C-alpha atoms as a PDB file:
ATOM      1  CA  MET A   1     -25.512  21.295 -24.704  1.00  0.00           C
ATOM      2  CA  SER A   2     -23.704  18.514 -23.464  1.00  0.00           C
ATOM      3  CA  GLU A   3     -22.728  14.763 -26.080  1.00  0.00           C
ATOM      4  CA  ALA A   4     -22.489  11.629 -25.359  1.00  0.00           C
ATOM      5  CA  THR A   5     -21.535   8.186 -28.351  1.00  0.00           C
ATOM      6  CA  VAL A   6     -23.113   5.445 -27.910  1.00  0.00           C
ATOM      7  CA  THR A   7     -21.290   2.108 -27.725  1.00  0.00           C
ATOM      8  CA  SER A   8     -20.810  -1.072 -29.742  1.00  0.00           C
ATOM      9  CA  LYS A   9     -23.403  -2.254 -26.796  1.00  0.00           C
ATOM     10  CA  GLY A  10     -25.840   0.363 -26.595  1.00  0.00           C
ATOM     11  CA  GLN A  11     -24.087   2.224 -24.074  1.00  0.00           C
ATOM     12  CA  ILE A  12     -23.171   6.057 -22.917  1.00  0.00           C
ATOM     13  CA  THR A  13     -21.753   8.658 -20.180  1.00  0.00           C
ATOM     14  CA  ILE A  14     -23.753  11.014 -18.968  1.00  0.00           C
ATOM     15  CA  PRO A  15     -21.900  14.432 -18.804  1.00  0.00           C
ATOM     16  CA  VAL A  16     -20.690  15.329 -15.754  1.00  0.00           C
ATOM     17  CA  ASP A  17     -22.612  18.508 -16.247  1.00  0.00           C
ATOM     18  CA  VAL A  18     -25.796  15.926 -16.981  1.00  0.00           C
ATOM     19  CA  ARG A  19     -24.898  14.151 -13.728  1.00  0.00           C
ATOM     20  CA  THR A  20     -24.101  17.273 -11.525  1.00  0.00           C
ATOM     21  CA  SER A  21     -28.126  18.757 -12.074  1.00  0.00           C
ATOM     22  CA  LEU A  22     -29.654  15.916 -11.840  1.00  0.00           C
ATOM     23  CA  SER A  23     -27.606  14.945  -8.013  1.00  0.00           C
ATOM     24  CA  LEU A  24     -27.037  11.868 -10.026  1.00  0.00           C
ATOM     25  CA  LYS A  25     -24.453   9.228  -8.475  1.00  0.00           C
ATOM     26  CA  ALA A  26     -22.841   6.167  -8.772  1.00  0.00           C
ATOM     27  CA  GLY A  27     -25.382   2.681  -8.954  1.00  0.00           C
ATOM     28  CA  GLU A  28     -28.503   5.467  -9.357  1.00  0.00           C
ATOM     29  CA  ARG A  29     -31.546   4.963 -11.829  1.00  0.00           C
ATOM     30  CA  VAL A  30     -32.885   6.581 -14.588  1.00  0.00           C
ATOM     31  CA  GLU A  31     -36.055   6.495 -16.443  1.00  0.00           C
ATOM     32  CA  PHE A  32     -36.525   7.952 -19.756  1.00  0.00           C
ATOM     33  CA  THR A  33     -39.941   8.367 -21.722  1.00  0.00           C
ATOM     34  CA  THR A  34     -40.344   9.503 -25.107  1.00  0.00           C
ATOM     35  CA  LEU A  35     -43.130  11.655 -26.440  1.00  0.00           C
ATOM     36  CA  ASP A  36     -44.134  11.728 -29.876  1.00  0.00           C
ATOM     37  CA  ASP A  37     -42.377  14.129 -31.371  1.00  0.00           C
ATOM     38  CA  GLY A  38     -39.615  12.008 -30.960  1.00  0.00           C
ATOM     39  CA  THR A  39     -37.817  13.894 -27.394  1.00  0.00           C
ATOM     40  CA  VAL A  40     -36.805  12.196 -25.189  1.00  0.00           C
ATOM     41  CA  ILE A  41     -37.012  12.908 -21.535  1.00  0.00           C
ATOM     42  CA  MET A  42     -34.623  11.900 -18.468  1.00  0.00           C
ATOM     43  CA  ARG A  43     -35.011  12.049 -14.999  1.00  0.00           C
ATOM     44  CA  PRO A  44     -33.727   9.991 -12.027  1.00  0.00           C
ATOM     45  CA  LYS A  45     -35.006   6.806 -11.177  1.00  0.00           C
ATOM     46  CA  ASN A  46     -36.735   8.938  -7.328  1.00  0.00           C
ATOM     47  CA  ARG A  47     -38.554   5.839  -4.845  1.00  0.00           C
ATOM     48  CA  SER A  48     -42.272   6.568  -4.702  1.00  0.00           C
ATOM     49  CA  LEU A  49     -43.765   7.292  -1.643  1.00  0.00           C
ATOM     50  CA  LEU A  50     -44.559   3.282  -0.212  1.00  0.00           C
ATOM     51  CA  GLU A  51     -40.317   3.882  -0.808  1.00  0.00           C
ATOM     52  CA  LEU A  52     -40.750   5.974   2.723  1.00  0.00           C
ATOM     53  CA  GLU A  53     -42.910   5.084   4.596  1.00  0.00           C
ATOM     54  CA  GLY A  54     -41.498   4.661   8.319  1.00  0.00           C
ATOM     55  CA  MET A  55     -38.446   6.472   7.493  1.00  0.00           C
ATOM     56  CA  LEU A  56     -39.407   9.409   9.909  1.00  0.00           C
ATOM     57  CA  GLN A  57     -39.863   7.595  12.894  1.00  0.00           C
ATOM     58  CA  GLY A  58     -37.598   7.549  16.380  1.00  0.00           C
ATOM     59  CA  ALA A  59     -36.630  10.830  18.663  1.00  0.00           C
ATOM     60  CA  GLY A  60     -37.890  14.492  17.409  1.00  0.00           C
ATOM     61  CA  ARG A  61     -40.699  13.057  15.356  1.00  0.00           C
ATOM     62  CA  ARG A  62     -43.594  15.592  15.826  1.00  0.00           C
ATOM     63  CA  LYS A  63     -47.020  14.005  16.092  1.00  0.00           C
ATOM     64  CA  GLY A  64     -49.769  15.246  14.652  1.00  0.00           C
ATOM     65  CA  LYS A  65     -50.727  16.759  11.294  1.00  0.00           C
ATOM     66  CA  VAL A  66     -48.373  18.744   9.039  1.00  0.00           C
ATOM     67  CA  LYS A  67     -49.894  21.976   7.580  1.00  0.00           C
ATOM     68  CA  ALA A  68     -49.291  23.305   4.282  1.00  0.00           C
ATOM     69  CA  GLU A  69     -47.172  26.345   5.238  1.00  0.00           C
ATOM     70  CA  HIS A  70     -45.139  24.715   7.103  1.00  0.00           C
ATOM     71  CA  MET A  71     -44.008  22.506   4.084  1.00  0.00           C
ATOM     72  CA  ASN A  72     -41.562  23.944   1.905  1.00  0.00           C
ATOM     73  CA  ILE A  73     -43.709  23.210  -1.056  1.00  0.00           C
ATOM     74  CA  GLY A  74     -41.029  24.498  -4.631  1.00  0.00           C
ATOM     75  CA  GLY A  75     -38.550  23.889  -2.126  1.00  0.00           C
ATOM     76  CA  SER A  76     -38.268  28.088  -1.493  1.00  0.00           C
END
């Protein structure tokens, strides 16, 4: 378990083990969600799918649809 101290300005430094596990780098944003029971969830603020549009254009791009089994869903 990691912990951090809140400064007088309301800031904290995210512990290195947490930054590593979330693959956070300097300048990236995080999102906080507070649940009804008081639990707070911190997630990396990822890009929306709309921001990714057009990134795969160019040489080597396959035309046509990609089958689900070729998408490596779940990281396996």
